[in-house]
Structure formats: structure tokens, C-alpha cells
Amino acid sequence: MIKVKAKSTGYYEHCRRRPGMVFKLNAKEDFSAKWMKVVTPSGELEFDSKEDFLKEYSSLVKQSSSKP
């Protein structure tokens, strides 16, 4: 699972997510570059597309599971 933050209003798991809300995705395929950015221990990351996110996914999971 990866932690994300809403950039704008969107819906995930039958809930409205407002800008600034932080939540976890159940699957990497659920990521939307249109209204989400990734939250890591070192900061927030934005991606231009879902494909860019999927290319970086494995390193993001390792980074988010490491302790600060």
C-alpha cells in the first residue's frame, strides 16, 4: 500500500476525498495523477501520468517502508 494526498476533490473507495486529505491506496493501479500525489517520509511527489507513477512504484514502496 502507498500513501497519497488529494490535490483536488476526487472519489476513492466510495468516499469523497477533499484537497489535502491523506489516505492509502489498496492497489497501485488505483493511483490517479490527475488528483493525487504520493506522500513519502522525505516529502510529497507529483507525477505527470499514471505510467510515470507505475515506473517508480517499487522504489516508492521501499522508500515509504523505510524508517525516517
PDB file of N, CA and C in Angstrom:
ATOM      1  N   MET A   1       0.840  -1.179   0.000  1.00  0.00           N
ATOM      2  CA  MET A   1       0.000   0.000   0.000  1.00  0.00           C
ATOM      3  C   MET A   1       0.882   1.238   0.000  1.00  0.00           C
ATOM      4  N   ILE A   2       0.374   2.269  -0.634  1.00  0.00           N
ATOM      5  CA  ILE A   2       1.128   3.508  -0.709  1.00  0.00           C
ATOM      6  C   ILE A   2       0.244   4.669  -0.253  1.00  0.00           C
ATOM      7  N   LYS A   3       0.846   5.614   0.445  1.00  0.00           N
ATOM      8  CA  LYS A   3       0.121   6.750   0.974  1.00  0.00           C
ATOM      9  C   LYS A   3       0.091   7.865  -0.072  1.00  0.00           C
ATOM     10  N   VAL A   4      -1.097   8.456  -0.261  1.00  0.00           N
ATOM     11  CA  VAL A   4      -1.261   9.545  -1.215  1.00  0.00           C
ATOM     12  C   VAL A   4      -2.009  10.700  -0.558  1.00  0.00           C
ATOM     13  N   LYS A   5      -1.944  11.859  -1.226  1.00  0.00           N
ATOM     14  CA  LYS A   5      -2.630  13.057  -0.757  1.00  0.00           C
ATOM     15  C   LYS A   5      -3.439  13.619  -1.914  1.00  0.00           C
ATOM     16  N   ALA A   6      -4.671  14.012  -1.649  1.00  0.00           N
ATOM     17  CA  ALA A   6      -5.535  14.562  -2.695  1.00  0.00           C
ATOM     18  C   ALA A   6      -5.079  15.978  -3.056  1.00  0.00           C
ATOM     19  N   LYS A   7      -4.872  16.214  -4.362  1.00  0.00           N
ATOM     20  CA  LYS A   7      -4.546  17.553  -4.873  1.00  0.00           C
ATOM     21  C   LYS A   7      -5.824  18.338  -5.144  1.00  0.00           C
ATOM     22  N   SER A   8      -6.868  17.633  -5.505  1.00  0.00           N
ATOM     23  CA  SER A   8      -8.180  18.225  -5.750  1.00  0.00           C
ATOM     24  C   SER A   8      -9.221  17.194  -5.324  1.00  0.00           C
ATOM     25  N   THR A   9     -10.479  17.546  -5.385  1.00  0.00           N
ATOM     26  CA  THR A   9     -11.534  16.632  -4.963  1.00  0.00           C
ATOM     27  C   THR A   9     -11.610  15.426  -5.896  1.00  0.00           C
ATOM     28  N   GLY A  10     -11.732  14.250  -5.297  1.00  0.00           N
ATOM     29  CA  GLY A  10     -11.859  13.008  -6.048  1.00  0.00           C
ATOM     30  C   GLY A  10     -12.579  11.977  -5.208  1.00  0.00           C
ATOM     31  N   TYR A  11     -12.850  10.827  -5.791  1.00  0.00           N
ATOM     32  CA  TYR A  11     -13.534   9.749  -5.090  1.00  0.00           C
ATOM     33  C   TYR A  11     -12.664   8.509  -5.074  1.00  0.00           C
ATOM     34  N   TYR A  12     -12.569   7.879  -3.901  1.00  0.00           N
ATOM     35  CA  TYR A  12     -11.841   6.627  -3.761  1.00  0.00           C
ATOM     36  C   TYR A  12     -12.532   5.802  -2.687  1.00  0.00           C
ATOM     37  N   GLU A  13     -12.802   4.546  -2.984  1.00  0.00           N
ATOM     38  CA  GLU A  13     -13.497   3.630  -2.075  1.00  0.00           C
ATOM     39  C   GLU A  13     -14.819   4.207  -1.587  1.00  0.00           C
ATOM     40  N   HIS A  14     -15.617   4.718  -2.501  1.00  0.00           N
ATOM     41  CA  HIS A  14     -16.953   5.245  -2.222  1.00  0.00           C
ATOM     42  C   HIS A  14     -16.947   6.439  -1.274  1.00  0.00           C
ATOM     43  N   CYS A  15     -15.810   7.124  -1.155  1.00  0.00           N
ATOM     44  CA  CYS A  15     -15.709   8.304  -0.299  1.00  0.00           C
ATOM     45  C   CYS A  15     -15.151   9.483  -1.088  1.00  0.00           C
ATOM     46  N   ARG A  16     -15.697  10.648  -0.814  1.00  0.00           N
ATOM     47  CA  ARG A  16     -15.155  11.851  -1.421  1.00  0.00           C
ATOM     48  C   ARG A  16     -13.880  12.224  -0.678  1.00  0.00           C
ATOM     49  N   ARG A  17     -12.823  12.477  -1.411  1.00  0.00           N
ATOM     50  CA  ARG A  17     -11.539  12.891  -0.829  1.00  0.00           C
ATOM     51  C   ARG A  17     -11.321  14.344  -1.226  1.00  0.00           C
ATOM     52  N   ARG A  18     -11.187  15.190  -0.256  1.00  0.00           N
ATOM     53  CA  ARG A  18     -11.021  16.618  -0.497  1.00  0.00           C
ATOM     54  C   ARG A  18      -9.530  16.971  -0.541  1.00  0.00           C
ATOM     55  N   PRO A  19      -9.190  18.105  -1.154  1.00  0.00           N
ATOM     56  CA  PRO A  19      -7.781  18.510  -1.226  1.00  0.00           C
ATOM     57  C   PRO A  19      -7.122  18.521   0.159  1.00  0.00           C
ATOM     58  N   GLY A  20      -5.946  17.920   0.226  1.00  0.00           N
ATOM     59  CA  GLY A  20      -5.201  17.855   1.482  1.00  0.00           C
ATOM     60  C   GLY A  20      -5.404  16.576   2.271  1.00  0.00           C
ATOM     61  N   MET A  21      -6.436  15.805   1.962  1.00  0.00           N
ATOM     62  CA  MET A  21      -6.675  14.556   2.691  1.00  0.00           C
ATOM     63  C   MET A  21      -5.611  13.525   2.320  1.00  0.00           C
ATOM     64  N   VAL A  22      -5.102  12.821   3.320  1.00  0.00           N
ATOM     65  CA  VAL A  22      -4.103  11.772   3.115  1.00  0.00           C
ATOM     66  C   VAL A  22      -4.785  10.428   3.356  1.00  0.00           C
ATOM     67  N   PHE A  23      -4.531   9.477   2.455  1.00  0.00           N
ATOM     68  CA  PHE A  23      -5.127   8.144   2.566  1.00  0.00           C
ATOM     69  C   PHE A  23      -4.240   7.132   1.852  1.00  0.00           C
ATOM     70  N   LYS A  24      -4.517   5.850   2.071  1.00  0.00           N
ATOM     71  CA  LYS A  24      -3.716   4.787   1.460  1.00  0.00           C
ATOM     72  C   LYS A  24      -4.488   4.122   0.329  1.00  0.00           C
ATOM     73  N   LEU A  25      -3.763   3.795  -0.723  1.00  0.00           N
ATOM     74  CA  LEU A  25      -4.345   3.076  -1.856  1.00  0.00           C
ATOM     75  C   LEU A  25      -4.233   1.578  -1.611  1.00  0.00           C
ATOM     76  N   ASN A  26      -5.250   0.829  -1.998  1.00  0.00           N
ATOM     77  CA  ASN A  26      -5.219  -0.622  -1.865  1.00  0.00           C
ATOM     78  C   ASN A  26      -4.412  -1.279  -2.973  1.00  0.00           C
ATOM     79  N   ALA A  27      -4.343  -0.632  -4.134  1.00  0.00           N
ATOM     80  CA  ALA A  27      -3.622  -1.192  -5.277  1.00  0.00           C
ATOM     81  C   ALA A  27      -2.936  -0.062  -6.035  1.00  0.00           C
ATOM     82  N   LYS A  28      -1.773  -0.345  -6.566  1.00  0.00           N
ATOM     83  CA  LYS A  28      -1.028   0.680  -7.300  1.00  0.00           C
ATOM     84  C   LYS A  28      -1.789   1.163  -8.528  1.00  0.00           C
ATOM     85  N   GLU A  29      -2.636   0.323  -9.089  1.00  0.00           N
ATOM     86  CA  GLU A  29      -3.425   0.697 -10.271  1.00  0.00           C
ATOM     87  C   GLU A  29      -4.505   1.727  -9.955  1.00  0.00           C
ATOM     88  N   ASP A  30      -4.782   1.950  -8.678  1.00  0.00           N
ATOM     89  CA  ASP A  30      -5.791   2.927  -8.269  1.00  0.00           C
ATOM     90  C   ASP A  30      -5.271   4.364  -8.311  1.00  0.00           C
ATOM     91  N   PHE A  31      -3.982   4.547  -8.483  1.00  0.00           N
ATOM     92  CA  PHE A  31      -3.396   5.890  -8.483  1.00  0.00           C
ATOM     93  C   PHE A  31      -3.907   6.719  -9.659  1.00  0.00           C
ATOM     94  N   SER A  32      -4.200   7.995  -9.396  1.00  0.00           N
ATOM     95  CA  SER A  32      -4.599   8.931 -10.445  1.00  0.00           C
ATOM     96  C   SER A  32      -3.726  10.174 -10.357  1.00  0.00           C
ATOM     97  N   ALA A  33      -2.935  10.413 -11.386  1.00  0.00           N
ATOM     98  CA  ALA A  33      -2.064  11.597 -11.407  1.00  0.00           C
ATOM     99  C   ALA A  33      -2.870  12.887 -11.479  1.00  0.00           C
ATOM    100  N   LYS A  34      -4.132  12.791 -11.892  1.00  0.00           N
ATOM    101  CA  LYS A  34      -4.985  13.982 -12.015  1.00  0.00           C
ATOM    102  C   LYS A  34      -5.280  14.621 -10.665  1.00  0.00           C
ATOM    103  N   TRP A  35      -5.466  13.805  -9.629  1.00  0.00           N
ATOM    104  CA  TRP A  35      -5.864  14.400  -8.354  1.00  0.00           C
ATOM    105  C   TRP A  35      -5.140  13.848  -7.125  1.00  0.00           C
ATOM    106  N   MET A  36      -4.087  13.065  -7.339  1.00  0.00           N
ATOM    107  CA  MET A  36      -3.323  12.517  -6.209  1.00  0.00           C
ATOM    108  C   MET A  36      -1.842  12.824  -6.347  1.00  0.00           C
ATOM    109  N   LYS A  37      -1.170  12.932  -5.204  1.00  0.00           N
ATOM    110  CA  LYS A  37       0.283  12.950  -5.182  1.00  0.00           C
ATOM    111  C   LYS A  37       0.733  11.988  -4.090  1.00  0.00           C
ATOM    112  N   VAL A  38       1.908  11.440  -4.256  1.00  0.00           N
ATOM    113  CA  VAL A  38       2.428  10.427  -3.344  1.00  0.00           C
ATOM    114  C   VAL A  38       3.073  11.103  -2.141  1.00  0.00           C
ATOM    115  N   VAL A  39       2.828  10.544  -0.951  1.00  0.00           N
ATOM    116  CA  VAL A  39       3.427  11.046   0.277  1.00  0.00           C
ATOM    117  C   VAL A  39       4.487  10.039   0.725  1.00  0.00           C
ATOM    118  N   THR A  40       5.726  10.508   0.874  1.00  0.00           N
ATOM    119  CA  THR A  40       6.825   9.664   1.352  1.00  0.00           C
ATOM    120  C   THR A  40       7.408  10.308   2.600  1.00  0.00           C
ATOM    121  N   PRO A  41       8.245   9.590   3.337  1.00  0.00           N
ATOM    122  CA  PRO A  41       8.890  10.187   4.513  1.00  0.00           C
ATOM    123  C   PRO A  41       9.723  11.426   4.163  1.00  0.00           C
ATOM    124  N   SER A  42      10.218  11.491   2.940  1.00  0.00           N
ATOM    125  CA  SER A  42      11.057  12.631   2.557  1.00  0.00           C
ATOM    126  C   SER A  42      10.274  13.761   1.892  1.00  0.00           C
ATOM    127  N   GLY A  43       8.970  13.607   1.723  1.00  0.00           N
ATOM    128  CA  GLY A  43       8.170  14.678   1.128  1.00  0.00           C
ATOM    129  C   GLY A  43       7.074  14.156   0.211  1.00  0.00           C
ATOM    130  N   GLU A  44       6.502  15.080  -0.565  1.00  0.00           N
ATOM    131  CA  GLU A  44       5.422  14.733  -1.481  1.00  0.00           C
ATOM    132  C   GLU A  44       5.941  14.724  -2.911  1.00  0.00           C
ATOM    133  N   LEU A  45       5.462  13.770  -3.709  1.00  0.00           N
ATOM    134  CA  LEU A  45       5.890  13.632  -5.100  1.00  0.00           C
ATOM    135  C   LEU A  45       4.683  13.691  -6.017  1.00  0.00           C
ATOM    136  N   GLU A  46       4.792  14.469  -7.084  1.00  0.00           N
ATOM    137  CA  GLU A  46       3.743  14.522  -8.096  1.00  0.00           C
ATOM    138  C   GLU A  46       4.236  13.846  -9.360  1.00  0.00           C
ATOM    139  N   PHE A  47       3.334  13.193 -10.065  1.00  0.00           N
ATOM    140  CA  PHE A  47       3.660  12.518 -11.312  1.00  0.00           C
ATOM    141  C   PHE A  47       2.787  13.071 -12.421  1.00  0.00           C
ATOM    142  N   ASP A  48       3.348  13.146 -13.625  1.00  0.00           N
ATOM    143  CA  ASP A  48       2.607  13.663 -14.777  1.00  0.00           C
ATOM    144  C   ASP A  48       1.590  12.663 -15.305  1.00  0.00           C
ATOM    145  N   SER A  49       1.830  11.383 -15.052  1.00  0.00           N
ATOM    146  CA  SER A  49       0.914  10.362 -15.565  1.00  0.00           C
ATOM    147  C   SER A  49       0.952   9.125 -14.673  1.00  0.00           C
ATOM    148  N   LYS A  50      -0.048   8.287 -14.837  1.00  0.00           N
ATOM    149  CA  LYS A  50      -0.099   7.022 -14.103  1.00  0.00           C
ATOM    150  C   LYS A  50       1.073   6.134 -14.501  1.00  0.00           C
ATOM    151  N   GLU A  51       1.456   6.183 -15.779  1.00  0.00           N
ATOM    152  CA  GLU A  51       2.573   5.375 -16.268  1.00  0.00           C
ATOM    153  C   GLU A  51       3.879   5.770 -15.562  1.00  0.00           C
ATOM    154  N   ASP A  52       4.107   7.071 -15.372  1.00  0.00           N
ATOM    155  CA  ASP A  52       5.304   7.530 -14.653  1.00  0.00           C
ATOM    156  C   ASP A  52       5.295   7.001 -13.219  1.00  0.00           C
ATOM    157  N   PHE A  53       4.128   7.040 -12.584  1.00  0.00           N
ATOM    158  CA  PHE A  53       3.991   6.530 -11.225  1.00  0.00           C
ATOM    159  C   PHE A  53       4.319   5.038 -11.168  1.00  0.00           C
ATOM    160  N   LEU A  54       3.761   4.271 -12.103  1.00  0.00           N
ATOM    161  CA  LEU A  54       3.980   2.825 -12.093  1.00  0.00           C
ATOM    162  C   LEU A  54       5.447   2.466 -12.320  1.00  0.00           C
ATOM    163  N   LYS A  55       6.171   3.265 -13.096  1.00  0.00           N
ATOM    164  CA  LYS A  55       7.599   3.028 -13.313  1.00  0.00           C
ATOM    165  C   LYS A  55       8.385   3.190 -12.009  1.00  0.00           C
ATOM    166  N   GLU A  56       7.968   4.108 -11.163  1.00  0.00           N
ATOM    167  CA  GLU A  56       8.672   4.412  -9.916  1.00  0.00           C
ATOM    168  C   GLU A  56       8.106   3.664  -8.705  1.00  0.00           C
ATOM    169  N   TYR A  57       7.052   2.905  -8.892  1.00  0.00           N
ATOM    170  CA  TYR A  57       6.326   2.302  -7.775  1.00  0.00           C
ATOM    171  C   TYR A  57       7.197   1.488  -6.825  1.00  0.00           C
ATOM    172  N   SER A  58       8.014   0.591  -7.344  1.00  0.00           N
ATOM    173  CA  SER A  58       8.790  -0.288  -6.456  1.00  0.00           C
ATOM    174  C   SER A  58       9.753   0.500  -5.579  1.00  0.00           C
ATOM    175  N   SER A  59      10.377   1.532  -6.125  1.00  0.00           N
ATOM    176  CA  SER A  59      11.280   2.329  -5.298  1.00  0.00           C
ATOM    177  C   SER A  59      10.504   3.170  -4.278  1.00  0.00           C
ATOM    178  N   LEU A  60       9.282   3.585  -4.617  1.00  0.00           N
ATOM    179  CA  LEU A  60       8.457   4.335  -3.680  1.00  0.00           C
ATOM    180  C   LEU A  60       8.029   3.486  -2.507  1.00  0.00           C
ATOM    181  N   VAL A  61       7.696   2.226  -2.768  1.00  0.00           N
ATOM    182  CA  VAL A  61       7.291   1.321  -1.699  1.00  0.00           C
ATOM    183  C   VAL A  61       8.453   1.096  -0.740  1.00  0.00           C
ATOM    184  N   LYS A  62       9.641   0.891  -1.284  1.00  0.00           N
ATOM    185  CA  LYS A  62      10.824   0.719  -0.435  1.00  0.00           C
ATOM    186  C   LYS A  62      11.076   1.961   0.393  1.00  0.00           C
ATOM    187  N   GLN A  63      10.955   3.134  -0.220  1.00  0.00           N
ATOM    188  CA  GLN A  63      11.204   4.402   0.459  1.00  0.00           C
ATOM    189  C   GLN A  63      10.160   4.648   1.554  1.00  0.00           C
ATOM    190  N   SER A  64       8.894   4.366   1.289  1.00  0.00           N
ATOM    191  CA  SER A  64       7.862   4.620   2.277  1.00  0.00           C
ATOM    192  C   SER A  64       7.881   3.610   3.416  1.00  0.00           C
ATOM    193  N   SER A  65       8.466   2.430   3.188  1.00  0.00           N
ATOM    194  CA  SER A  65       8.517   1.437   4.269  1.00  0.00           C
ATOM    195  C   SER A  65       9.780   1.600   5.129  1.00  0.00           C
ATOM    196  N   SER A  66      10.731   2.391   4.672  1.00  0.00           N
ATOM    197  CA  SER A  66      11.935   2.623   5.481  1.00  0.00           C
ATOM    198  C   SER A  66      11.615   3.604   6.589  1.00  0.00           C
ATOM    199  N   LYS A  67      12.290   3.447   7.703  1.00  0.00           N
ATOM    200  CA  LYS A  67      12.050   4.316   8.849  1.00  0.00           C
ATOM    201  C   LYS A  67      12.865   5.588   8.711  1.00  0.00           C
ATOM    202  N   PRO A  68      12.247   6.740   9.082  1.00  0.00           N
ATOM    203  CA  PRO A  68      12.980   8.026   8.985  1.00  0.00           C
ATOM    204  C   PRO A  68      14.101   8.136   9.981  1.00  0.00           C
TER     205      PRO A  68
END
